[in-house]
Structure formats: C-alpha cells, structure tokens
Protein backbone atom coordinates (compact mmCIF):
# COMPACT_ATOMS: atom_id res chain seq x y z
CA MET A 1 169.79 53.99 135.51
CA PRO A 2 167.75 53.99 138.76
CA ALA A 3 166.13 50.66 139.59
CA ASP A 4 162.65 52.16 139.34
CA GLN A 5 163.22 53.81 135.95
CA ILE A 6 161.93 52.22 132.76
CA ALA A 7 164.56 51.25 130.19
CA PRO A 8 164.56 53.46 127.07
CA ARG A 9 161.44 52.92 124.94
CA ARG A 10 160.14 54.18 121.61
CA ILE A 11 157.33 56.61 122.41
CA LEU A 12 155.22 58.42 119.85
CA VAL A 13 154.05 61.88 120.98
CA THR A 14 151.31 63.62 119.01
CA GLY A 15 150.83 67.38 118.78
CA THR A 16 154.52 68.30 118.83
CA GLY A 17 153.74 71.54 117.02
CA ALA A 18 152.32 73.04 120.23
CA ASN A 19 153.84 73.70 123.65
CA PRO A 20 152.57 70.60 125.50
CA GLY A 21 153.75 68.12 122.86
CA PHE A 22 156.98 69.98 122.18
CA GLY A 23 157.88 70.04 125.87
CA LEU A 24 156.86 66.42 126.43
CA ALA A 25 158.96 65.21 123.50
CA ARG A 26 161.96 67.12 124.82
CA SER A 27 161.51 65.79 128.37
CA LEU A 28 161.18 62.19 127.19
CA THR A 29 164.31 62.56 125.08
CA ARG A 30 166.24 63.85 128.09
CA LEU A 31 165.13 60.75 129.99
CA GLY A 32 166.74 58.62 127.29
CA HIS A 33 163.65 57.52 125.38
CA ARG A 34 163.46 57.42 121.58
CA VAL A 35 160.73 59.89 120.63
CA ILE A 36 158.70 59.81 117.45
CA ALA A 37 157.52 63.42 117.14
CA ALA A 38 154.21 63.43 115.27
CA ASP A 39 152.15 66.34 114.02
CA ALA A 40 149.78 67.16 111.16
CA ASN A 41 151.80 70.27 110.29
CA PRO A 42 154.96 69.52 108.28
CA LEU A 43 156.51 72.68 109.75
CA ALA A 44 155.88 71.67 113.37
CA PRO A 45 158.68 72.99 115.62
CA GLY A 46 158.88 69.64 117.43
CA PHE A 47 160.38 68.14 114.29
CA LEU A 48 163.53 70.17 114.94
CA LEU A 49 164.20 68.76 118.38
CA PRO A 50 167.49 66.85 118.45
CA GLN A 51 167.31 63.05 118.32
CA VAL A 52 163.57 62.80 117.61
CA VAL A 53 162.11 60.91 114.64
CA PRO A 54 159.77 63.41 112.93
CA GLN A 55 156.60 62.09 111.34
CA VAL A 56 153.80 63.95 109.57
CA ILE A 57 150.43 62.39 110.36
CA PRO A 58 146.93 63.24 109.10
CA SER A 59 144.76 65.54 111.18
CA ALA A 60 142.64 63.72 113.74
CA ASP A 61 139.45 64.11 111.70
CA ASP A 62 141.03 62.64 108.56
CA GLN A 63 139.68 59.25 107.49
CA ASP A 64 143.27 57.99 107.08
CA TYR A 65 144.31 58.90 110.62
CA ARG A 66 143.83 55.51 112.23
CA ALA A 67 145.41 53.57 109.37
CA ARG A 68 148.41 55.90 109.27
CA MET A 69 148.94 55.78 113.02
CA THR A 70 148.68 52.00 113.10
CA GLY A 71 151.13 51.72 110.22
CA LEU A 72 153.61 54.04 111.91
CA CYS A 73 153.45 52.13 115.16
CA ARG A 74 154.11 48.85 113.36
CA ALA A 75 156.88 50.16 111.12
CA LEU A 76 158.72 51.97 113.93
CA ALA A 77 158.08 49.31 116.58
CA VAL A 78 156.51 51.92 118.83
CA HIS A 79 156.04 50.89 122.46
CA ALA A 80 153.57 53.61 123.45
CA VAL A 81 151.57 56.58 122.16
CA VAL A 82 151.09 59.67 124.32
CA PRO A 83 148.67 62.27 122.91
CA ALA A 84 149.50 65.88 123.78
CA ILE A 85 146.56 67.54 122.02
CA GLU A 86 142.83 67.04 122.57
CA ASN A 87 141.99 66.45 118.90
CA ASP A 88 143.86 63.14 118.90
CA LEU A 89 142.00 61.67 121.87
CA PRO A 90 138.75 60.50 120.18
CA PRO A 91 140.38 58.60 117.29
CA LEU A 92 143.03 57.12 119.57
CA LEU A 93 140.33 55.88 121.94
CA ARG A 94 138.54 54.23 119.03
CA MET A 95 141.71 52.45 117.93
CA SER A 96 142.99 51.53 121.39
CA SER A 97 142.19 47.82 120.96
CA ARG A 98 144.00 47.75 117.63
CA LEU A 99 147.06 49.39 119.13
CA GLU A 100 147.01 47.01 122.09
CA GLU A 101 146.97 44.05 119.71
CA ILE A 102 150.26 45.17 118.18
CA GLY A 103 151.85 45.84 121.58
CA VAL A 104 151.38 49.61 121.76
CA ARG A 105 150.45 51.06 125.14
CA MET A 106 148.38 54.12 125.99
CA TRP A 107 147.36 55.44 129.39
CA LEU A 108 144.03 57.20 129.20
CA PRO A 109 140.92 57.20 131.39
CA GLU A 110 137.81 55.36 130.26
CA PRO A 111 136.10 56.94 127.22
CA ALA A 112 133.31 58.55 129.27
CA SER A 113 135.91 60.35 131.38
CA VAL A 114 137.79 61.60 128.33
CA HIS A 115 134.63 62.89 126.69
CA ALA A 116 133.57 64.62 129.92
CA CYS A 117 136.80 66.62 129.73
CA ILE A 118 136.74 67.32 125.98
CA ASP A 119 133.14 68.58 126.07
CA LYS A 120 132.93 71.67 128.30
CA ALA A 121 129.18 71.26 128.73
CA ALA A 122 129.62 67.68 129.93
CA PHE A 123 132.43 68.82 132.22
CA HIS A 124 130.15 71.46 133.75
CA ARG A 125 127.43 68.85 134.35
CA VAL A 126 129.82 66.38 136.00
CA LEU A 127 131.42 68.94 138.32
CA THR A 128 128.03 70.40 139.26
CA GLU A 129 126.69 66.93 140.08
CA HIS A 130 129.68 66.34 142.37
CA GLY A 131 129.50 69.71 144.06
CA VAL A 132 132.78 71.03 142.65
CA PRO A 133 132.58 74.82 142.10
CA THR A 134 132.68 75.71 138.41
CA PRO A 135 131.43 78.76 136.47
CA ARG A 136 127.76 78.98 135.50
CA SER A 137 127.42 77.88 131.87
CA TRP A 138 124.77 77.88 129.16
CA TRP A 139 124.63 76.14 125.78
CA GLY A 140 122.16 74.90 123.19
CA ASP A 141 118.56 75.65 124.10
CA THR A 142 119.61 77.15 127.47
CA LEU A 143 121.34 80.17 125.89
CA ASP A 144 118.22 82.28 126.41
CA LEU A 145 118.80 81.89 130.16
CA VAL A 146 122.09 83.81 130.03
CA PRO A 147 121.65 86.65 132.56
CA GLU A 148 121.86 90.33 131.74
CA ASN A 149 124.63 92.55 133.12
CA THR A 150 127.06 89.69 133.59
CA ARG A 151 130.56 89.49 132.19
CA LEU A 152 130.76 86.43 130.01
CA VAL A 153 133.08 84.19 128.02
CA VAL A 154 132.02 82.61 124.73
CA LYS A 155 133.98 79.54 123.70
CA PRO A 156 133.55 76.31 121.70
CA ARG A 157 132.28 73.36 123.71
CA ARG A 158 135.09 71.23 122.31
CA GLY A 159 137.74 73.89 121.74
CA HIS A 160 141.33 73.98 122.98
CA GLY A 161 144.33 76.26 123.06
CA ALA A 162 142.23 79.42 123.66
CA GLN A 163 140.95 79.27 120.06
CA HIS A 164 137.67 81.10 119.28
CA VAL A 165 137.43 82.43 122.87
CA HIS A 166 135.74 85.82 123.27
CA PHE A 167 135.12 88.00 126.34
CA VAL A 168 131.99 90.15 126.38
CA GLU A 169 130.01 92.23 128.84
CA LYS A 170 126.53 92.05 127.32
CA LYS A 171 124.16 89.15 126.80
CA GLU A 172 123.27 90.25 123.26
CA HIS A 173 126.93 90.15 122.26
CA ALA A 174 127.29 86.65 123.69
CA LEU A 175 124.23 85.47 121.77
CA LEU A 176 125.55 86.96 118.53
CA LEU A 177 128.93 85.29 119.01
CA SER A 178 127.25 81.98 119.81
CA GLU A 179 126.01 81.93 116.22
CA VAL A 180 129.54 82.04 114.79
CA VAL A 181 131.63 80.25 117.43
CA PRO A 182 131.53 76.50 116.67
CA ASP A 183 129.08 74.71 119.01
CA ALA A 184 129.24 77.62 121.42
CA LEU A 185 129.11 77.58 125.21
CA VAL A 186 128.59 80.79 127.19
CA GLN A 187 130.18 80.91 130.61
CA GLU A 188 130.20 83.39 133.46
CA ARG A 189 133.60 85.06 133.53
CA VAL A 190 135.67 84.39 136.64
CA TYR A 191 138.28 86.79 138.02
CA GLY A 192 141.16 86.26 140.39
CA THR A 193 144.48 84.44 140.44
CA GLU A 194 144.57 81.82 137.70
CA PHE A 195 146.29 78.50 138.37
CA THR A 196 147.15 75.20 136.74
CA ALA A 197 147.65 71.90 138.55
CA ASP A 198 149.90 69.34 136.85
CA CYS A 199 148.44 65.99 137.90
CA LEU A 200 149.26 62.31 137.74
CA VAL A 201 146.61 59.80 138.81
CA ASP A 202 147.83 56.21 139.24
CA ARG A 203 145.83 53.09 138.46
CA THR A 204 144.60 52.84 142.06
CA GLY A 205 143.12 56.34 141.88
CA ARG A 206 145.76 58.03 144.01
CA ALA A 207 146.65 61.45 142.63
CA SER A 208 149.50 63.90 142.99
CA ALA A 209 149.09 67.52 141.97
CA ILE A 210 151.64 70.31 141.57
CA LEU A 211 150.15 73.81 141.75
CA ARG A 212 151.34 76.68 139.57
CA ARG A 213 150.06 80.26 139.52
CA ARG A 214 149.64 81.62 136.01
CA ASP A 215 151.06 85.06 136.81
CA LEU A 216 151.03 86.32 133.22
CA VAL A 217 148.98 84.65 130.49
CA LYS A 218 149.34 85.40 126.78
CA ALA A 219 147.21 83.68 124.12
CA GLY A 220 146.21 81.01 126.61
CA LEU A 221 149.77 80.17 127.63
CA ALA A 222 151.46 81.03 130.92
CA ALA A 223 154.32 83.42 130.12
CA VAL A 224 155.20 83.74 133.81
CA SER A 225 154.26 81.21 136.48
CA THR A 226 155.21 80.30 140.05
CA THR A 227 154.71 77.16 142.11
CA PHE A 228 152.64 77.49 145.28
CA HIS A 229 150.71 75.44 147.82
CA ASP A 230 147.13 75.98 148.96
CA THR A 231 145.17 73.28 150.75
CA THR A 232 141.79 74.53 149.50
CA VAL A 233 142.98 74.60 145.89
CA LEU A 234 144.55 71.15 146.21
CA ASP A 235 141.39 69.64 147.71
CA LEU A 236 139.21 70.96 144.88
CA VAL A 237 141.69 69.84 142.21
CA LEU A 238 141.60 66.33 143.67
CA ALA A 239 137.79 66.49 143.86
CA ALA A 240 137.64 67.41 140.16
CA LEU A 241 139.92 64.50 139.29
CA ARG A 242 137.68 62.13 141.23
CA ALA A 243 134.51 63.57 139.67
CA VAL A 244 135.62 62.79 136.12
CA ARG A 245 137.42 59.60 137.17
CA ALA A 246 140.69 60.83 135.73
CA GLU A 247 143.65 58.54 135.25
CA GLY A 248 147.17 59.09 134.01
CA LEU A 249 148.61 62.46 133.08
CA CYS A 250 146.29 65.48 133.12
CA CYS A 251 146.06 69.12 134.15
CA VAL A 252 143.40 71.13 135.97
CA GLN A 253 142.85 74.87 135.65
CA GLY A 254 140.92 77.32 137.79
CA PHE A 255 140.88 80.59 139.71
CA VAL A 256 141.34 81.70 143.29
CA GLN A 257 138.99 84.66 143.55
CA ASP A 258 139.64 87.74 145.67
CA ASP A 259 137.29 86.45 148.39
CA GLY A 260 139.24 83.18 148.57
CA GLN A 261 136.66 81.10 146.72
CA VAL A 262 138.19 78.55 144.35
CA THR A 263 136.57 77.76 141.00
CA ILE A 264 137.59 74.93 138.66
CA THR A 265 137.28 75.86 134.99
CA GLU A 266 138.91 73.07 132.99
CA LEU A 267 140.47 69.61 133.10
CA ASN A 268 142.61 68.38 130.20
CA VAL A 269 143.52 64.74 129.65
CA ARG A 270 147.05 65.62 128.59
CA ILE A 271 150.16 67.32 129.85
CA ALA A 272 150.04 71.11 130.26
CA GLY A 273 152.25 73.46 128.28
CA GLY A 274 153.82 74.90 131.44
CA PHE A 275 154.82 71.56 133.00
CA PRO A 276 158.60 72.29 132.74
CA LEU A 277 158.15 74.47 135.85
CA THR A 278 156.77 71.45 137.71
CA GLU A 279 159.88 69.45 136.82
CA ALA A 280 162.17 72.38 137.68
CA ALA A 281 160.50 72.47 141.10
CA GLY A 282 161.53 68.87 141.72
CA ALA A 283 158.56 66.74 140.61
CA ASP A 284 159.42 63.80 138.36
CA LEU A 285 156.19 64.21 136.39
CA VAL A 286 157.18 62.71 133.04
CA GLY A 287 159.38 60.01 134.54
CA GLN A 288 156.59 58.77 136.81
CA MET A 289 154.09 58.99 133.94
CA VAL A 290 156.34 56.66 131.94
CA ASN A 291 156.54 54.27 134.88
CA GLY A 292 152.76 54.12 135.12
CA LEU A 293 152.41 53.84 131.36
CA PHE A 294 154.53 50.69 131.34
CA GLY A 295 153.01 49.08 134.43
CA LEU A 296 155.43 50.14 137.16
CA PRO A 297 154.06 51.76 140.33
CA VAL A 298 153.94 55.54 140.40
CA ASP A 299 156.21 56.82 143.17
CA HIS A 300 154.25 59.73 144.60
CA ASP A 301 157.21 60.64 146.81
CA ARG A 302 158.93 61.65 143.57
CA LEU A 303 156.06 64.04 142.78
CA THR A 304 156.68 66.44 145.65
CA TYR A 305 157.86 69.94 144.75
CA ARG A 306 159.31 73.18 146.03
CA THR A 307 157.08 76.25 146.24
CA GLY A 308 158.24 79.68 145.11
CA VAL A 309 159.98 78.39 141.97
CA PHE A 310 159.24 80.55 138.92
CA LEU A 311 159.38 80.15 135.16
CA THR A 312 159.33 82.79 132.45
CA ASN A 313 158.46 81.81 128.91
CA TYR A 314 158.73 83.69 125.66
CA VAL A 315 158.37 83.16 121.94
CA GLU A 316 161.68 82.74 120.17
CA THR A 317 162.76 82.05 116.62
CA LEU A 318 163.59 78.36 116.55
CA ALA A 319 164.66 78.15 112.92
CA VAL A 320 164.42 79.89 109.58
CA GLY A 321 165.05 78.39 106.17
CA GLU A 322 163.46 76.91 103.10
CA THR A 323 160.18 75.12 103.75
CA THR A 324 161.33 72.28 101.52
CA ASP A 325 164.20 71.57 103.92
CA LEU A 326 161.95 71.11 106.95
CA LYS A 327 159.42 69.11 104.98
CA ARG A 328 162.23 66.84 103.83
CA ILE A 329 163.25 66.33 107.46
CA ALA A 330 159.69 65.39 108.36
CA MET A 331 159.37 62.99 105.46
CA ASN A 332 162.62 61.17 106.16
CA GLY A 333 160.79 58.71 108.39
CA VAL A 334 158.93 55.66 107.21
CA THR A 335 156.01 55.83 104.82
CA THR A 336 153.15 53.39 105.14
C-alpha cells in the first residue's frame, strides 16, 4: 500500500441504486475498502456488487431515516458515510453531530453551501451575485416575467437525475407545466457542447477539476464522453466552486456555446455518474477523496489527467431472478 493511501476502512455509500453510488461503491471496493451499499430500493443494483454489504435504508424523507442510519453505523462500525444522491444530504447534515459523536466521518461543505446547490433558485442567485454566467431563471412570483419566444426548460427547484424536466418553446406551455412540476423553476435553454467537471476541493479551498465533454446524453446520463482541457471552462468551474464555497467531492455541469461563451448550469455536492472516465484518464479522484475524508492531505498532483480519453456507457442486464432472492441478499445485513 502506498504511504499516502488510507488503510482499508468501512465506508457506507448511499444511493447505490443509481450510477453515481453504484460506481463509487465499486471504486471504493477496488481500493480495498469495505463498502456498505445502502439504498431505499431493495432491488438496487448496487446490492449485487461483489464484496459489498447491502443494506436497505428508509427514504430520506422517512421519519425513521436518521435512527436507522445511526443504528447501522453503530452496528457495522462504519468509519465514514459518503452520500451519492442529493436526497440524502439534508437529513445527513442534520445528523452530522450525532454521527461525529460515534466516530463516523463525512466530508460535506457547510449547510448553506449544500442548500445553495440543492435548490436551483438559490444556485442561480449565488452564481449571479458572483458574476458566474448561468442561464436566466424564473420561479415563484417571477414566473410572469418569463419572456415570449424563448426556448425554455421547466424543472423542479430541488430535482435531480433529470426527473420531471421538460423542454418547451412557448411561455404558455412553461407556465402550464409549472403548475404540475413540483416547485417549478423555468430556465432559458442553453445550447452547445455540454460538459461535466469532476471536482475535489480540499480543506484549504484548493480545487482540482477534470473536464469531460458529454458527447451523447440519454436520460440525463452521459452515454459517450471524452476528456478535454479548456482554460475558460476550467476558470469558470473554479469560480462556481468558490461562489458556493464547495468542499470535498462534487461535480459541475455547463455548456460551451457555439460562440465560445461558457455557461454553468449545475453544481452537485456528490460524485458524478460518469466519473469512471476521470479515473481512466489518470486522476485518482476517489482515492484522494478518501484521503481528504480521513484527514490526509489531498495530493493534487494525483488529480491530473490525460485529454482525449473516451468512455462509452450503455444499459445492460445485471441480473434476473426472483425478487425474494435479491431482497434476502439485502436483508442479510444487521437489523436495528
């Protein structure tokens, strides 16, 4: 084991039913850590990863969530919790002191920073205040100000995973959708080359970012992507990280428009689903995250990467069988 690598730890990853959590659990396992794969869905594909400890947990809005998570961490002697889905962030922030008391680490920004990223309206306000280009947005009592003859996107203020996202070309359609989309936000649609930046911000505020073009996107996920370098994109990604006072592992999304203008659209306080390309390009993203999580310095020299590396992704059949079999696997862990 390299001198700067943390000894194997027990790390609980939430949201292992989706790409980010699934990939993170797999990467941590490859690094030698013991992963507790947690998800609210008893059929979560992350439960089938080799060597993980599968655990069904309540959904983040369930009143038993905090008690169940605390009990799991105690019973399994968990060293750290890493959320890989936005829904888990608010309750985990509220229970951070309780987890710390029993020796469980997390690495998240301050609550105001997390909420600025979860709430797309708050994110728009913060970036606008700091002069970071972001699409024009309207919500609440400002929806009447949505301009005519503008291509628009209607999405939930606190949504994730491209759920309830609609593209329209007329104001009246956007206003109609805003009545059915939960807590809707209407945003000017941006065109161009879409990108994601996989980022790690250490405790001193220094950030590294690995840029990936999203060459083909399906259902919000990059099916084909390629690493690249662009100084203008990098500068604005770092400016967005500073604006929200990000810390730890996160990802930034945006567009490079045809005229070269760069627009930042989103910042997530979690790992991105396409991060395996970042690691394939040479950046030790998860390994350095673990170092920072457990108090070691982040080695930014290990977060450099090769450009022109591509990744193709597709949906495959992971397993078929009786639902009772998979549920039994998920329930084989401790009960609290």
